[in-house]
Every structure is written in C-alpha cells, then in structure tokens.
C-alpha cells in the first residue's frame, strides 16, 4: 500500500488520469492481492537493493472478442531512465510466457508517455495504432496500442 501511495501524485499519475482517492487505492490493492492469490493475474513489486521502487503486472481481459493479457508498470521517479522498468517487465513476460493461456499481451500508454512507450519498443511490442480508451472511469483519452506475440517473444539482449 505504501508504494501505491507514493505513486499517487499528480506528477506520477499524469498519464493515468490523475491521483486516485484513498478508497480507490485500497480497493485496487485488495484486487491485486486477491488476483495474485487466485493465480489469475500478477502484480509484482520491483525492488532495487531492498527498496521497493515500482510494480509490474499483467491481467486478463477481453479485446475485440479475444481474451488477452494487458501489462502495466509504474516506477518511482528515482527509478526512471535506468532500465529498471524494461528489465522488470522483461522478467515478468519471461515468467508469464511458459504458463500463458493467451497469445497476446497488450500495453496502452498515452502517446506522450515516452518512458512506457520506450519500454514497449525495447521489449519488442508492435505499435498497432492509437485508440481512445476510458481510464480512469469517465475519462477518455488517446492511448497507443502496443501488442506482443507472447509465444514468439524472445527477451532483448542485455
């Protein structure tokens, strides 16, 4: 919960519709814990030298009649620009790949989110287009649509 609070600032949520209320953060945290216990989705903490600096995860959802995975990540400002997000997301994809039940992993950063778009590019996601998405509820904005063919994915060279 501490990480969710640390990431819940106007600067950190600029690409995600702004900060959440305390009640929404508590609800999201409970959903992460339940999904992890059920083995449906995963939301993993990213730690560097014992300090939690972010999270990366995936969850199932429907995309045009097909069940897919959506991936997402968040990092504290101290972890930006150091390859931590792409390394953690690559580890997450490598963990998911052998057990995956679905072919595609999608990510939807806003076009002006250079860091997240860079992670998608570095990890081999294909830019499939731009679409208007609702996130958070009631807020529509353009998002890039990145798609990764998980069975064919190879981790990028280090």
Protein backbone atom coordinates (compact mmCIF):
# COMPACT_ATOMS: atom_id res chain seq x y z
CA UNK A 1 0.00 0.00 0.00
CA UNK A 2 2.95 2.33 0.67
CA UNK A 3 4.04 2.07 -2.96
CA UNK A 4 0.56 2.86 -4.24
CA UNK A 5 0.51 5.97 -2.06
CA UNK A 6 4.00 7.03 -3.15
CA UNK A 7 2.97 6.70 -6.81
CA UNK A 8 -0.33 8.52 -6.30
CA UNK A 9 0.88 12.04 -7.05
CA UNK A 10 -0.20 14.39 -9.84
CA UNK A 11 3.26 14.02 -11.43
CA UNK A 12 3.23 10.22 -11.34
CA UNK A 13 -0.40 9.89 -12.45
CA UNK A 14 -0.21 12.45 -15.25
CA UNK A 15 -0.62 9.68 -17.86
CA UNK A 16 -3.25 7.80 -15.83
CA UNK A 17 -5.96 10.39 -15.31
CA UNK A 18 -4.65 11.89 -12.07
CA UNK A 19 -4.37 10.69 -8.47
CA UNK A 20 -6.85 8.20 -7.03
CA UNK A 21 -8.87 8.60 -3.85
CA UNK A 22 -7.76 6.64 -0.79
CA UNK A 23 -10.81 4.36 -1.20
CA UNK A 24 -9.87 3.55 -4.82
CA UNK A 25 -6.28 2.77 -3.81
CA UNK A 26 -7.45 0.45 -1.02
CA UNK A 27 -9.81 -1.29 -3.45
CA UNK A 28 -7.09 -1.68 -6.09
CA UNK A 29 -4.65 -3.07 -3.52
CA UNK A 30 -7.25 -5.63 -2.38
CA UNK A 31 -7.88 -6.65 -6.01
CA UNK A 32 -4.14 -7.12 -6.62
CA UNK A 33 -3.81 -9.32 -3.53
CA UNK A 34 -6.84 -11.44 -4.42
CA UNK A 35 -5.83 -11.90 -8.06
CA UNK A 36 -2.30 -12.92 -7.04
CA UNK A 37 -3.69 -15.48 -4.55
CA UNK A 38 -6.05 -16.92 -7.17
CA UNK A 39 -3.26 -17.14 -9.74
CA UNK A 40 -5.28 -15.24 -12.35
CA UNK A 41 -3.20 -12.12 -12.65
CA UNK A 42 0.09 -10.99 -11.19
CA UNK A 43 1.21 -7.66 -9.83
CA UNK A 44 4.81 -7.84 -8.69
CA UNK A 45 6.90 -5.36 -6.72
CA UNK A 46 10.14 -4.11 -8.24
CA UNK A 47 12.92 -3.85 -5.67
CA UNK A 48 16.44 -2.50 -6.03
CA UNK A 49 18.84 -3.12 -3.14
CA UNK A 50 15.89 -3.90 -0.85
CA UNK A 51 13.99 -0.71 -1.73
CA UNK A 52 10.63 -1.09 -3.47
CA UNK A 53 10.74 1.27 -6.47
CA UNK A 54 7.75 0.17 -8.53
CA UNK A 55 5.49 -2.59 -9.77
CA UNK A 56 4.84 -4.53 -12.95
CA UNK A 57 1.95 -6.80 -13.69
CA UNK A 58 -0.42 -8.41 -16.11
CA UNK A 59 -4.11 -9.27 -16.03
CA UNK A 60 -6.59 -10.93 -18.35
CA UNK A 61 -9.27 -9.01 -20.20
CA UNK A 62 -11.31 -9.11 -23.39
CA UNK A 63 -10.07 -7.31 -26.51
CA UNK A 64 -12.36 -7.48 -29.56
CA UNK A 65 -13.84 -10.85 -28.52
CA UNK A 66 -10.50 -12.43 -27.63
CA UNK A 67 -9.07 -12.95 -24.14
CA UNK A 68 -5.68 -11.28 -23.89
CA UNK A 69 -3.25 -10.12 -21.25
CA UNK A 70 -2.77 -6.46 -20.52
CA UNK A 71 0.52 -5.43 -18.95
CA UNK A 72 1.30 -2.34 -16.94
CA UNK A 73 4.08 -0.92 -14.81
CA UNK A 74 4.81 2.05 -12.58
CA UNK A 75 8.09 3.33 -11.17
CA UNK A 76 9.05 5.91 -8.61
CA UNK A 77 10.89 8.88 -10.16
CA UNK A 78 14.19 7.69 -8.63
CA UNK A 79 13.97 4.57 -10.84
CA UNK A 80 13.18 6.33 -14.13
CA UNK A 81 15.62 6.18 -17.02
CA UNK A 82 17.80 3.39 -15.60
CA UNK A 83 16.39 0.38 -17.48
CA UNK A 84 14.64 -0.87 -14.34
CA UNK A 85 11.15 -0.78 -15.86
CA UNK A 86 12.14 -2.62 -19.03
CA UNK A 87 14.18 -5.17 -17.06
CA UNK A 88 11.33 -5.85 -14.64
CA UNK A 89 8.76 -6.07 -17.43
CA UNK A 90 11.01 -8.44 -19.41
CA UNK A 91 11.29 -10.64 -16.30
CA UNK A 92 7.51 -10.54 -15.90
CA UNK A 93 6.98 -11.58 -19.54
CA UNK A 94 9.55 -14.37 -19.19
CA UNK A 95 7.69 -15.59 -16.10
CA UNK A 96 4.31 -15.47 -17.92
CA UNK A 97 5.41 -16.96 -21.24
CA UNK A 98 5.66 -20.68 -20.32
CA UNK A 99 2.32 -20.69 -18.47
CA UNK A 100 0.38 -18.34 -20.76
CA UNK A 101 -3.06 -19.38 -21.93
CA UNK A 102 -3.38 -16.46 -24.35
CA UNK A 103 -1.29 -15.39 -27.31
CA UNK A 104 -1.12 -11.61 -26.96
CA UNK A 105 0.00 -9.14 -24.34
CA UNK A 106 -1.14 -5.55 -24.83
CA UNK A 107 0.02 -2.30 -23.27
CA UNK A 108 -1.72 1.06 -23.63
CA UNK A 109 0.49 4.02 -22.68
CA UNK A 110 -0.57 7.51 -23.72
CA UNK A 111 1.32 8.80 -26.77
CA UNK A 112 3.21 11.37 -24.65
CA UNK A 113 4.43 8.79 -22.10
CA UNK A 114 7.94 8.44 -23.51
CA UNK A 115 9.14 6.04 -20.80
CA UNK A 116 6.37 3.47 -21.17
CA UNK A 117 6.40 3.69 -24.97
CA UNK A 118 10.17 3.13 -24.82
CA UNK A 119 9.67 0.00 -22.70
CA UNK A 120 7.19 -1.36 -25.24
CA UNK A 121 9.56 -0.63 -28.11
CA UNK A 122 12.59 -2.12 -26.32
CA UNK A 123 10.73 -5.33 -25.42
CA UNK A 124 9.50 -5.96 -28.96
CA UNK A 125 5.87 -4.90 -28.73
CA UNK A 126 4.40 -3.87 -32.09
CA UNK A 127 2.63 -0.50 -32.30
CA UNK A 128 -0.79 -1.47 -33.66
CA UNK A 129 -2.34 2.01 -33.60
CA UNK A 130 -3.91 4.63 -31.36
CA UNK A 131 -7.35 4.43 -29.79
CA UNK A 132 -9.47 6.32 -27.31
CA UNK A 133 -9.68 4.48 -24.00
CA UNK A 134 -11.56 5.11 -20.80
CA UNK A 135 -9.17 5.28 -17.86
CA UNK A 136 -9.91 6.03 -15.19
CA UNK A 137 -13.68 5.56 -15.36
CA UNK A 138 -15.29 8.54 -17.07
CA UNK A 139 -12.05 9.87 -18.60
CA UNK A 140 -11.43 9.17 -22.31
CA UNK A 141 -8.10 9.92 -23.95
CA UNK A 142 -5.92 8.59 -26.77
CA UNK A 143 -3.61 5.70 -25.94
CA UNK A 144 -1.08 3.85 -28.06
CA UNK A 145 -2.00 0.21 -28.64
CA UNK A 146 1.09 -1.97 -28.31
CA UNK A 147 0.81 -5.73 -28.93
CA UNK A 148 3.29 -8.51 -28.19
CA UNK A 149 3.01 -12.02 -29.66
CA UNK A 150 4.00 -13.86 -26.48
CA UNK A 151 4.71 -17.37 -27.86
CA UNK A 152 7.24 -15.90 -30.32
CA UNK A 153 8.79 -13.40 -27.88
CA UNK A 154 12.49 -13.50 -27.08
CA UNK A 155 13.88 -11.34 -24.27
CA UNK A 156 16.02 -8.47 -25.57
CA UNK A 157 19.78 -8.83 -25.19
CA UNK A 158 21.11 -7.31 -22.00
